[in-house]
PDB file of N, CA and C in Angstrom:
ATOM      1  N   UNK A   1      18.542 -31.941  24.515  1.00  0.00           N
ATOM      2  CA  UNK A   1      18.041 -32.427  23.135  1.00  0.00           C
ATOM      3  C   UNK A   1      18.987 -32.293  22.012  1.00  0.00           C
ATOM      4  N   UNK A   2      19.118 -33.646  21.342  1.00  0.00           N
ATOM      5  CA  UNK A   2      20.011 -33.730  20.200  1.00  0.00           C
ATOM      6  C   UNK A   2      19.835 -33.126  19.008  1.00  0.00           C
ATOM      7  N   UNK A   3      20.894 -32.772  18.280  1.00  0.00           N
ATOM      8  CA  UNK A   3      20.849 -32.244  16.961  1.00  0.00           C
ATOM      9  C   UNK A   3      19.686 -32.906  15.967  1.00  0.00           C
ATOM     10  N   UNK A   4      19.465 -33.974  16.108  1.00  0.00           N
ATOM     11  CA  UNK A   4      18.828 -34.669  15.393  1.00  0.00           C
ATOM     12  C   UNK A   4      17.156 -34.442  15.421  1.00  0.00           C
ATOM     13  N   UNK A   5      16.981 -34.299  16.958  1.00  0.00           N
ATOM     14  CA  UNK A   5      15.596 -33.701  17.430  1.00  0.00           C
ATOM     15  C   UNK A   5      15.270 -32.571  17.035  1.00  0.00           C
ATOM     16  N   UNK A   6      16.150 -31.480  17.187  1.00  0.00           N
ATOM     17  CA  UNK A   6      16.060 -29.821  16.806  1.00  0.00           C
ATOM     18  C   UNK A   6      15.893 -29.900  15.291  1.00  0.00           C
ATOM     19  N   UNK A   7      16.602 -30.760  14.395  1.00  0.00           N
ATOM     20  CA  UNK A   7      16.081 -30.801  13.064  1.00  0.00           C
ATOM     21  C   UNK A   7      14.671 -31.232  12.597  1.00  0.00           C
ATOM     22  N   UNK A   8      14.465 -32.244  13.394  1.00  0.00           N
ATOM     23  CA  UNK A   8      13.080 -32.642  13.104  1.00  0.00           C
ATOM     24  C   UNK A   8      11.959 -31.662  13.957  1.00  0.00           C
ATOM     25  N   UNK A   9      12.360 -30.904  14.575  1.00  0.00           N
ATOM     26  CA  UNK A   9      11.363 -30.071  15.199  1.00  0.00           C
ATOM     27  C   UNK A   9      11.201 -28.764  14.202  1.00  0.00           C
ATOM     28  N   UNK A  10      12.538 -28.385  13.963  1.00  0.00           N
ATOM     29  CA  UNK A  10      12.464 -27.335  12.679  1.00  0.00           C
ATOM     30  C   UNK A  10      11.534 -27.570  11.386  1.00  0.00           C
ATOM     31  N   UNK A  11      11.959 -28.930  11.014  1.00  0.00           N
ATOM     32  CA  UNK A  11      11.128 -29.674   9.950  1.00  0.00           C
ATOM     33  C   UNK A  11       9.518 -29.384  10.076  1.00  0.00           C
ATOM     34  N   UNK A  12       9.193 -30.096  11.170  1.00  0.00           N
ATOM     35  CA  UNK A  12       7.746 -29.831  11.512  1.00  0.00           C
ATOM     36  C   UNK A  12       7.498 -28.300  11.524  1.00  0.00           C
ATOM     37  N   UNK A  13       7.905 -27.558  12.090  1.00  0.00           N
ATOM     38  CA  UNK A  13       7.721 -26.226  12.214  1.00  0.00           C
ATOM     39  C   UNK A  13       7.421 -25.385  10.728  1.00  0.00           C
ATOM     40  N   UNK A  14       8.495 -25.708  10.043  1.00  0.00           N
ATOM     41  CA  UNK A  14       8.722 -24.975   8.320  1.00  0.00           C
ATOM     42  C   UNK A  14       7.518 -25.610   7.584  1.00  0.00           C
ATOM     43  N   UNK A  15       7.347 -26.842   8.010  1.00  0.00           N
ATOM     44  CA  UNK A  15       6.206 -27.685   7.002  1.00  0.00           C
ATOM     45  C   UNK A  15       5.007 -27.347   7.420  1.00  0.00           C
ATOM     46  N   UNK A  16       4.564 -26.788   8.832  1.00  0.00           N
ATOM     47  CA  UNK A  16       3.334 -26.685   9.277  1.00  0.00           C
ATOM     48  C   UNK A  16       2.857 -25.071   9.295  1.00  0.00           C
ATOM     49  N   UNK A  17       3.803 -24.207   8.721  1.00  0.00           N
ATOM     50  CA  UNK A  17       3.421 -22.934   8.833  1.00  0.00           C
ATOM     51  C   UNK A  17       3.713 -22.271   7.533  1.00  0.00           C
ATOM     52  N   UNK A  18       2.957 -21.285   6.941  1.00  0.00           N
ATOM     53  CA  UNK A  18       3.387 -20.720   5.664  1.00  0.00           C
ATOM     54  C   UNK A  18       4.454 -20.057   5.582  1.00  0.00           C
ATOM     55  N   UNK A  19       4.688 -18.997   6.532  1.00  0.00           N
ATOM     56  CA  UNK A  19       5.791 -18.194   6.875  1.00  0.00           C
ATOM     57  C   UNK A  19       6.466 -18.502   8.141  1.00  0.00           C
ATOM     58  N   UNK A  20       7.826 -18.641   8.058  1.00  0.00           N
ATOM     59  CA  UNK A  20       8.437 -18.806   9.358  1.00  0.00           C
ATOM     60  C   UNK A  20       9.754 -18.034   9.267  1.00  0.00           C
ATOM     61  N   UNK A  21      10.357 -17.265  10.190  1.00  0.00           N
ATOM     62  CA  UNK A  21      11.300 -16.611  10.448  1.00  0.00           C
ATOM     63  C   UNK A  21      12.069 -16.996  11.664  1.00  0.00           C
ATOM     64  N   UNK A  22      13.502 -17.613  11.212  1.00  0.00           N
ATOM     65  CA  UNK A  22      14.166 -17.790  12.624  1.00  0.00           C
ATOM     66  C   UNK A  22      15.184 -16.525  12.673  1.00  0.00           C
ATOM     67  N   UNK A  23      15.229 -15.910  13.838  1.00  0.00           N
ATOM     68  CA  UNK A  23      15.703 -14.618  13.692  1.00  0.00           C
ATOM     69  C   UNK A  23      16.432 -14.228  15.204  1.00  0.00           C
ATOM     70  N   UNK A  24      17.176 -13.219  15.527  1.00  0.00           N
ATOM     71  CA  UNK A  24      17.667 -12.789  16.786  1.00  0.00           C
ATOM     72  C   UNK A  24      16.849 -11.746  17.150  1.00  0.00           C
ATOM     73  N   UNK A  25      16.081 -12.328  18.528  1.00  0.00           N
ATOM     74  CA  UNK A  25      15.047 -11.419  19.053  1.00  0.00           C
ATOM     75  C   UNK A  25      13.518 -12.021  18.557  1.00  0.00           C
ATOM     76  N   UNK A  26      12.608 -10.949  18.916  1.00  0.00           N
ATOM     77  CA  UNK A  26      11.316 -11.300  18.506  1.00  0.00           C
ATOM     78  C   UNK A  26      10.869 -10.447  17.666  1.00  0.00           C
ATOM     79  N   UNK A  27       9.482 -10.758  17.238  1.00  0.00           N
ATOM     80  CA  UNK A  27       8.767  -9.825  16.288  1.00  0.00           C
ATOM     81  C   UNK A  27       8.735  -8.489  16.641  1.00  0.00           C
ATOM     82  N   UNK A  28       8.443  -8.518  17.737  1.00  0.00           N
ATOM     83  CA  UNK A  28       8.091  -7.091  18.502  1.00  0.00           C
ATOM     84  C   UNK A  28       9.575  -6.433  18.816  1.00  0.00           C
ATOM     85  N   UNK A  29      10.772  -6.909  18.998  1.00  0.00           N
ATOM     86  CA  UNK A  29      11.940  -6.286  19.645  1.00  0.00           C
ATOM     87  C   UNK A  29      12.802  -7.321  18.766  1.00  0.00           C
ATOM     88  N   UNK A  30      13.084  -7.039  17.563  1.00  0.00           N
ATOM     89  CA  UNK A  30      14.321  -7.633  17.128  1.00  0.00           C
ATOM     90  C   UNK A  30      15.818  -7.025  17.346  1.00  0.00           C
ATOM     91  N   UNK A  31      16.652  -8.193  17.602  1.00  0.00           N
ATOM     92  CA  UNK A  31      18.015  -7.771  18.445  1.00  0.00           C
ATOM     93  C   UNK A  31      19.016  -7.674  17.391  1.00  0.00           C
ATOM     94  N   UNK A  32      18.806  -7.663  16.170  1.00  0.00           N
ATOM     95  CA  UNK A  32      19.858  -6.900  15.193  1.00  0.00           C
ATOM     96  C   UNK A  32      19.185  -6.738  14.066  1.00  0.00           C
ATOM     97  N   UNK A  33      19.898  -5.682  13.357  1.00  0.00           N
ATOM     98  CA  UNK A  33      19.338  -5.098  12.146  1.00  0.00           C
ATOM     99  C   UNK A  33      18.856  -5.986  11.032  1.00  0.00           C
ATOM    100  N   UNK A  34      19.641  -6.954  10.687  1.00  0.00           N
ATOM    101  CA  UNK A  34      19.056  -7.793   9.794  1.00  0.00           C
ATOM    102  C   UNK A  34      17.956  -8.498   9.867  1.00  0.00           C
ATOM    103  N   UNK A  35      17.561  -8.917  11.183  1.00  0.00           N
ATOM    104  CA  UNK A  35      16.515  -9.488  11.666  1.00  0.00           C
ATOM    105  C   UNK A  35      15.137  -8.386  11.534  1.00  0.00           C
ATOM    106  N   UNK A  36      15.553  -7.212  11.994  1.00  0.00           N
ATOM    107  CA  UNK A  36      14.760  -6.246  11.960  1.00  0.00           C
ATOM    108  C   UNK A  36      14.127  -5.900  10.416  1.00  0.00           C
ATOM    109  N   UNK A  37      15.275  -5.967   9.817  1.00  0.00           N
ATOM    110  CA  UNK A  37      14.838  -5.694   8.211  1.00  0.00           C
ATOM    111  C   UNK A  37      13.752  -6.648   7.627  1.00  0.00           C
ATOM    112  N   UNK A  38      14.183  -7.978   8.070  1.00  0.00           N
ATOM    113  CA  UNK A  38      13.204  -8.897   7.421  1.00  0.00           C
ATOM    114  C   UNK A  38      11.542  -8.869   7.854  1.00  0.00           C
ATOM    115  N   UNK A  39      11.560  -8.473   9.471  1.00  0.00           N
ATOM    116  CA  UNK A  39      10.533  -8.254   9.953  1.00  0.00           C
ATOM    117  C   UNK A  39       9.694  -7.129   9.381  1.00  0.00           C
ATOM    118  N   UNK A  40      10.248  -6.057   9.306  1.00  0.00           N
ATOM    119  CA  UNK A  40       9.916  -4.939   8.807  1.00  0.00           C
ATOM    120  C   UNK A  40       9.235  -5.155   7.121  1.00  0.00           C
ATOM    121  N   UNK A  41      10.032  -5.794   6.375  1.00  0.00           N
ATOM    122  CA  UNK A  41       9.440  -6.594   4.848  1.00  0.00           C
ATOM    123  C   UNK A  41       8.068  -7.397   5.215  1.00  0.00           C
ATOM    124  N   UNK A  42       8.220  -8.315   6.146  1.00  0.00           N
ATOM    125  CA  UNK A  42       7.054  -9.014   6.353  1.00  0.00           C
ATOM    126  C   UNK A  42       5.916  -8.222   6.688  1.00  0.00           C
ATOM    127  N   UNK A  43       6.191  -7.416   7.482  1.00  0.00           N
ATOM    128  CA  UNK A  43       4.849  -6.532   8.102  1.00  0.00           C
ATOM    129  C   UNK A  43       4.198  -5.401   7.001  1.00  0.00           C
ATOM    130  N   UNK A  44       5.205  -5.058   6.116  1.00  0.00           N
ATOM    131  CA  UNK A  44       5.046  -4.222   4.967  1.00  0.00           C
ATOM    132  C   UNK A  44       3.954  -5.168   3.871  1.00  0.00           C
ATOM    133  N   UNK A  45       4.401  -6.435   3.985  1.00  0.00           N
ATOM    134  CA  UNK A  45       3.710  -7.116   3.052  1.00  0.00           C
ATOM    135  C   UNK A  45       2.501  -7.628   3.759  1.00  0.00           C
ATOM    136  N   UNK A  46       2.084  -7.311   5.104  1.00  0.00           N
ATOM    137  CA  UNK A  46       0.913  -7.800   5.824  1.00  0.00           C
ATOM    138  C   UNK A  46       0.842  -9.241   5.872  1.00  0.00           C
ATOM    139  N   UNK A  47       2.133  -9.945   6.288  1.00  0.00           N
ATOM    140  CA  UNK A  47       2.352 -11.352   6.293  1.00  0.00           C
ATOM    141  C   UNK A  47       2.457 -11.610   7.640  1.00  0.00           C
ATOM    142  N   UNK A  48       1.441 -12.622   8.331  1.00  0.00           N
ATOM    143  CA  UNK A  48       1.601 -13.165   9.385  1.00  0.00           C
ATOM    144  C   UNK A  48       2.667 -14.229   9.269  1.00  0.00           C
ATOM    145  N   UNK A  49       3.450 -14.428  10.296  1.00  0.00           N
ATOM    146  CA  UNK A  49       4.566 -15.405  10.379  1.00  0.00           C
ATOM    147  C   UNK A  49       4.619 -15.787  11.847  1.00  0.00           C
ATOM    148  N   UNK A  50       5.339 -17.071  11.803  1.00  0.00           N
ATOM    149  CA  UNK A  50       5.967 -17.585  13.043  1.00  0.00           C
ATOM    150  C   UNK A  50       7.311 -17.156  13.165  1.00  0.00           C
ATOM    151  N   UNK A  51       7.770 -16.721  14.181  1.00  0.00           N
ATOM    152  CA  UNK A  51       8.998 -16.266  14.408  1.00  0.00           C
ATOM    153  C   UNK A  51       9.619 -17.050  15.561  1.00  0.00           C
ATOM    154  N   UNK A  52      11.019 -17.407  15.553  1.00  0.00           N
ATOM    155  CA  UNK A  52      11.748 -17.939  16.877  1.00  0.00           C
ATOM    156  C   UNK A  52      12.947 -17.181  16.902  1.00  0.00           C
ATOM    157  N   UNK A  53      13.027 -17.027  18.040  1.00  0.00           N
ATOM    158  CA  UNK A  53      14.177 -16.284  18.867  1.00  0.00           C
ATOM    159  C   UNK A  53      15.253 -17.242  18.946  1.00  0.00           C
ATOM    160  N   UNK A  54      16.471 -17.272  18.083  1.00  0.00           N
ATOM    161  CA  UNK A  54      17.553 -18.296  18.137  1.00  0.00           C
ATOM    162  C   UNK A  54      18.495 -17.858  19.358  1.00  0.00           C
ATOM    163  N   UNK A  55      18.316 -16.443  19.783  1.00  0.00           N
ATOM    164  CA  UNK A  55      19.075 -16.204  20.943  1.00  0.00           C
ATOM    165  C   UNK A  55      18.779 -16.639  22.432  1.00  0.00           C
ATOM    166  N   UNK A  56      17.427 -17.390  22.405  1.00  0.00           N
ATOM    167  CA  UNK A  56      16.930 -18.060  23.629  1.00  0.00           C
ATOM    168  C   UNK A  56      17.390 -19.478  23.468  1.00  0.00           C
ATOM    169  N   UNK A  57      17.927 -19.975  22.355  1.00  0.00           N
ATOM    170  CA  UNK A  57      18.094 -21.406  22.380  1.00  0.00           C
ATOM    171  C   UNK A  57      19.201 -21.740  21.362  1.00  0.00           C
ATOM    172  N   UNK A  58      20.427 -21.964  22.100  1.00  0.00           N
ATOM    173  CA  UNK A  58      21.778 -22.135  21.384  1.00  0.00           C
ATOM    174  C   UNK A  58      21.643 -23.235  20.490  1.00  0.00           C
ATOM    175  N   UNK A  59      20.853 -24.555  21.051  1.00  0.00           N
ATOM    176  CA  UNK A  59      21.062 -25.505  20.154  1.00  0.00           C
ATOM    177  C   UNK A  59      20.082 -25.302  19.046  1.00  0.00           C
ATOM    178  N   UNK A  60      18.827 -24.545  18.930  1.00  0.00           N
ATOM    179  CA  UNK A  60      18.089 -24.156  17.983  1.00  0.00           C
ATOM    180  C   UNK A  60      19.064 -23.357  17.031  1.00  0.00           C
ATOM    181  N   UNK A  61      19.780 -22.444  17.323  1.00  0.00           N
ATOM    182  CA  UNK A  61      20.504 -21.500  16.529  1.00  0.00           C
ATOM    183  C   UNK A  61      21.549 -22.441  15.656  1.00  0.00           C
ATOM    184  N   UNK A  62      21.917 -23.415  16.354  1.00  0.00           N
ATOM    185  CA  UNK A  62      23.212 -24.043  15.634  1.00  0.00           C
ATOM    186  C   UNK A  62      22.366 -25.047  14.643  1.00  0.00           C
ATOM    187  N   UNK A  63      21.322 -25.820  14.947  1.00  0.00           N
ATOM    188  CA  UNK A  63      20.527 -26.532  14.062  1.00  0.00           C
ATOM    189  C   UNK A  63      20.006 -25.870  12.818  1.00  0.00           C
ATOM    190  N   UNK A  64      19.203 -24.641  13.171  1.00  0.00           N
ATOM    191  CA  UNK A  64      18.844 -24.076  12.133  1.00  0.00           C
ATOM    192  C   UNK A  64      19.664 -23.788  10.820  1.00  0.00           C
ATOM    193  N   UNK A  65      21.179 -23.418  11.383  1.00  0.00           N
ATOM    194  CA  UNK A  65      22.322 -23.563  10.494  1.00  0.00           C
ATOM    195  C   UNK A  65      22.487 -24.604   9.613  1.00  0.00           C
ATOM    196  N   UNK A  66      22.476 -25.890  10.338  1.00  0.00           N
ATOM    197  CA  UNK A  66      22.677 -27.011   9.770  1.00  0.00           C
ATOM    198  C   UNK A  66      21.411 -27.104   8.681  1.00  0.00           C
ATOM    199  N   UNK A  67      20.103 -27.209   9.440  1.00  0.00           N
ATOM    200  CA  UNK A  67      18.993 -27.510   8.426  1.00  0.00           C
ATOM    201  C   UNK A  67      19.077 -26.887   7.208  1.00  0.00           C
ATOM    202  N   UNK A  68      19.168 -25.529   6.986  1.00  0.00           N
ATOM    203  CA  UNK A  68      19.187 -25.008   5.690  1.00  0.00           C
ATOM    204  C   UNK A  68      20.383 -24.889   5.025  1.00  0.00           C
ATOM    205  N   UNK A  69      21.752 -25.344   5.779  1.00  0.00           N
ATOM    206  CA  UNK A  69      23.016 -25.145   5.301  1.00  0.00           C
ATOM    207  C   UNK A  69      23.155 -23.918   4.960  1.00  0.00           C
ATOM    208  N   UNK A  70      22.921 -22.825   5.831  1.00  0.00           N
ATOM    209  CA  UNK A  70      22.952 -21.634   5.879  1.00  0.00           C
ATOM    210  C   UNK A  70      23.691 -21.056   7.123  1.00  0.00           C
ATOM    211  N   UNK A  71      24.647 -20.244   6.754  1.00  0.00           N
ATOM    212  CA  UNK A  71      25.554 -19.908   8.128  1.00  0.00           C
ATOM    213  C   UNK A  71      25.010 -18.916   9.039  1.00  0.00           C
ATOM    214  N   UNK A  72      24.107 -18.175   8.339  1.00  0.00           N
ATOM    215  CA  UNK A  72      23.727 -16.849   9.093  1.00  0.00           C
ATOM    216  C   UNK A  72      22.264 -16.859   9.473  1.00  0.00           C
ATOM    217  N   UNK A  73      21.812 -16.027  10.330  1.00  0.00           N
ATOM    218  CA  UNK A  73      20.515 -15.563  10.894  1.00  0.00           C
ATOM    219  C   UNK A  73      20.160 -14.145  10.559  1.00  0.00           C
ATOM    220  N   UNK A  74      19.119 -13.833  10.147  1.00  0.00           N
ATOM    221  CA  UNK A  74      17.867 -14.679  10.191  1.00  0.00           C
ATOM    222  C   UNK A  74      17.613 -15.377   8.932  1.00  0.00           C
ATOM    223  N   UNK A  75      16.865 -16.351   8.995  1.00  0.00           N
ATOM    224  CA  UNK A  75      16.410 -17.329   8.007  1.00  0.00           C
ATOM    225  C   UNK A  75      14.714 -17.368   7.749  1.00  0.00           C
ATOM    226  N   UNK A  76      14.646 -17.252   6.679  1.00  0.00           N
ATOM    227  CA  UNK A  76      13.160 -16.900   6.200  1.00  0.00           C
ATOM    228  C   UNK A  76      12.869 -18.327   5.410  1.00  0.00           C
ATOM    229  N   UNK A  77      11.510 -18.711   5.939  1.00  0.00           N
ATOM    230  CA  UNK A  77      10.942 -20.043   4.973  1.00  0.00           C
ATOM    231  C   UNK A  77       9.541 -19.453   4.590  1.00  0.00           C
ATOM    232  N   UNK A  78       9.474 -20.086   3.249  1.00  0.00           N
ATOM    233  CA  UNK A  78       7.932 -19.625   2.805  1.00  0.00           C
ATOM    234  C   UNK A  78       7.343 -20.889   2.180  1.00  0.00           C
ATOM    235  N   UNK A  79       6.318 -21.395   2.716  1.00  0.00           N
ATOM    236  CA  UNK A  79       5.493 -22.439   2.166  1.00  0.00           C
ATOM    237  C   UNK A  79       6.375 -23.847   2.248  1.00  0.00           C
ATOM    238  N   UNK A  80       7.254 -23.943   3.318  1.00  0.00           N
ATOM    239  CA  UNK A  80       7.979 -24.990   3.622  1.00  0.00           C
ATOM    240  C   UNK A  80       9.456 -25.028   2.964  1.00  0.00           C
ATOM    241  N   UNK A  81       9.738 -23.847   2.110  1.00  0.00           N
ATOM    242  CA  UNK A  81      11.104 -23.670   1.370  1.00  0.00           C
ATOM    243  C   UNK A  81      11.865 -22.620   2.027  1.00  0.00           C
ATOM    244  N   UNK A  82      13.220 -23.162   1.991  1.00  0.00           N
ATOM    245  CA  UNK A  82      14.129 -21.805   2.503  1.00  0.00           C
ATOM    246  C   UNK A  82      14.319 -20.792   1.644  1.00  0.00           C
ATOM    247  N   UNK A  83      13.961 -19.766   1.965  1.00  0.00           N
ATOM    248  CA  UNK A  83      14.128 -18.471   0.888  1.00  0.00           C
ATOM    249  C   UNK A  83      15.411 -17.707   1.082  1.00  0.00           C
ATOM    250  N   UNK A  84      15.867 -17.615   2.244  1.00  0.00           N
ATOM    251  CA  UNK A  84      17.241 -17.009   2.483  1.00  0.00           C
ATOM    252  C   UNK A  84      17.180 -16.160   3.587  1.00  0.00           C
ATOM    253  N   UNK A  85      18.354 -15.478   3.749  1.00  0.00           N
ATOM    254  CA  UNK A  85      18.497 -14.413   4.892  1.00  0.00           C
ATOM    255  C   UNK A  85      18.079 -13.122   4.437  1.00  0.00           C
ATOM    256  N   UNK A  86      18.616 -11.910   5.072  1.00  0.00           N
ATOM    257  CA  UNK A  86      18.247 -10.693   4.974  1.00  0.00           C
ATOM    258  C   UNK A  86      18.228 -10.313   3.389  1.00  0.00           C
ATOM    259  N   UNK A  87      19.624 -10.275   2.761  1.00  0.00           N
ATOM    260  CA  UNK A  87      19.718  -9.810   1.393  1.00  0.00           C
ATOM    261  C   UNK A  87      19.008 -10.200   0.571  1.00  0.00           C
ATOM    262  N   UNK A  88      18.835 -11.581   0.839  1.00  0.00           N
ATOM    263  CA  UNK A  88      17.956 -12.370  -0.426  1.00  0.00           C
ATOM    264  C   UNK A  88      16.502 -11.825  -0.198  1.00  0.00           C
ATOM    265  N   UNK A  89      15.992 -12.032   1.128  1.00  0.00           N
ATOM    266  CA  UNK A  89      14.490 -11.233   1.152  1.00  0.00           C
ATOM    267  C   UNK A  89      14.392 -10.028   0.811  1.00  0.00           C
ATOM    268  N   UNK A  90      15.406  -8.987   1.126  1.00  0.00           N
ATOM    269  CA  UNK A  90      15.448  -7.563   0.581  1.00  0.00           C
ATOM    270  C   UNK A  90      15.265  -7.486  -0.824  1.00  0.00           C
ATOM    271  N   UNK A  91      16.049  -8.198  -1.633  1.00  0.00           N
ATOM    272  CA  UNK A  91      15.825  -8.196  -2.829  1.00  0.00           C
ATOM    273  C   UNK A  91      14.691  -8.744  -3.425  1.00  0.00           C
ATOM    274  N   UNK A  92      14.275  -9.806  -3.029  1.00  0.00           N
ATOM    275  CA  UNK A  92      13.083 -10.256  -3.342  1.00  0.00           C
ATOM    276  C   UNK A  92      11.668  -9.500  -3.321  1.00  0.00           C
ATOM    277  N   UNK A  93      12.024  -8.906  -2.273  1.00  0.00           N
ATOM    278  CA  UNK A  93      10.759  -7.905  -1.877  1.00  0.00           C
ATOM    279  C   UNK A  93      10.801  -6.447  -2.833  1.00  0.00           C
ATOM    280  N   UNK A  94      12.127  -6.233  -3.308  1.00  0.00           N
ATOM    281  CA  UNK A  94      12.233  -5.029  -4.152  1.00  0.00           C
ATOM    282  C   UNK A  94      11.645  -5.201  -5.520  1.00  0.00           C
ATOM    283  N   UNK A  95      11.828  -6.684  -5.810  1.00  0.00           N
ATOM    284  CA  UNK A  95      11.422  -6.998  -7.046  1.00  0.00           C
ATOM    285  C   UNK A  95       9.843  -7.497  -7.343  1.00  0.00           C
ATOM    286  N   UNK A  96       9.361  -7.533  -6.069  1.00  0.00           N
ATOM    287  CA  UNK A  96       8.087  -8.053  -5.822  1.00  0.00           C
ATOM    288  C   UNK A  96       7.983  -9.481  -5.897  1.00  0.00           C
ATOM    289  N   UNK A  97       9.073 -10.239  -5.919  1.00  0.00           N
ATOM    290  CA  UNK A  97       9.164 -11.572  -6.114  1.00  0.00           C
ATOM    291  C   UNK A  97       8.575 -12.319  -4.758  1.00  0.00           C
ATOM    292  N   UNK A  98       9.070 -11.681  -3.697  1.00  0.00           N
ATOM    293  CA  UNK A  98       8.619 -12.099  -2.362  1.00  0.00           C
ATOM    294  C   UNK A  98       7.151 -12.101  -2.110  1.00  0.00           C
ATOM    295  N   UNK A  99       6.680 -11.159  -2.499  1.00  0.00           N
ATOM    296  CA  UNK A  99       5.086 -10.958  -2.374  1.00  0.00           C
ATOM    297  C   UNK A  99       4.445 -12.060  -3.289  1.00  0.00           C
ATOM    298  N   UNK A 100       4.745 -12.229  -4.181  1.00  0.00           N
ATOM    299  CA  UNK A 100       4.329 -13.210  -5.111  1.00  0.00           C
ATOM    300  C   UNK A 100       4.409 -14.597  -4.480  1.00  0.00           C
ATOM    301  N   UNK A 101       5.430 -14.999  -3.856  1.00  0.00           N
ATOM    302  CA  UNK A 101       5.930 -16.154  -3.361  1.00  0.00           C
ATOM    303  C   UNK A 101       4.879 -16.371  -2.180  1.00  0.00           C
ATOM    304  N   UNK A 102       4.848 -15.204  -1.305  1.00  0.00           N
ATOM    305  CA  UNK A 102       4.032 -15.437  -0.113  1.00  0.00           C
ATOM    306  C   UNK A 102       2.601 -15.661  -0.438  1.00  0.00           C
ATOM    307  N   UNK A 103       2.129 -14.969  -1.342  1.00  0.00           N
ATOM    308  CA  UNK A 103       0.650 -14.959  -1.643  1.00  0.00           C
ATOM    309  C   UNK A 103       0.282 -16.082  -2.649  1.00  0.00           C
ATOM    310  N   UNK A 104       1.235 -16.832  -3.364  1.00  0.00           N
ATOM    311  CA  UNK A 104       0.742 -17.931  -4.045  1.00  0.00           C
ATOM    312  C   UNK A 104       0.969 -19.182  -3.360  1.00  0.00           C
ATOM    313  N   UNK A 105      -0.081 -19.870  -3.268  1.00  0.00           N
ATOM    314  CA  UNK A 105      -0.114 -21.169  -2.560  1.00  0.00           C
ATOM    315  C   UNK A 105       0.700 -22.252  -3.066  1.00  0.00           C
ATOM    316  N   UNK A 106       1.407 -23.136  -2.422  1.00  0.00           N
ATOM    317  CA  UNK A 106       2.149 -24.132  -3.024  1.00  0.00           C
ATOM    318  C   UNK A 106       1.293 -25.291  -3.707  1.00  0.00           C
ATOM    319  N   UNK A 107       1.904 -25.604  -4.744  1.00  0.00           N
ATOM    320  CA  UNK A 107       1.129 -26.392  -5.834  1.00  0.00           C
ATOM    321  C   UNK A 107       0.784 -27.753  -5.160  1.00  0.00           C
TER     322      UNK A 107
END
């Protein structure tokens, strides 16, 4: 699959689901501490989300970095917008901003 088709696939997923997490591992078994931290935050906020394990698909792993212009995983998207990685999600969670963002429907 070409990078262009992977980017279109990511776009479709991000625009079709309220909360999306590209991560290392799965919701049930994160494979890195940063991914585990974001999963924990989303679970704490009782937020259903779609998760994608980039370790299972090298093309996806590279394409998601291009899509967000962000070099690291995990990557969190809310209401079609890139939020950030673990540090940003954690900071937003601590201030209450992430909860507000997740629970406020897009305009």
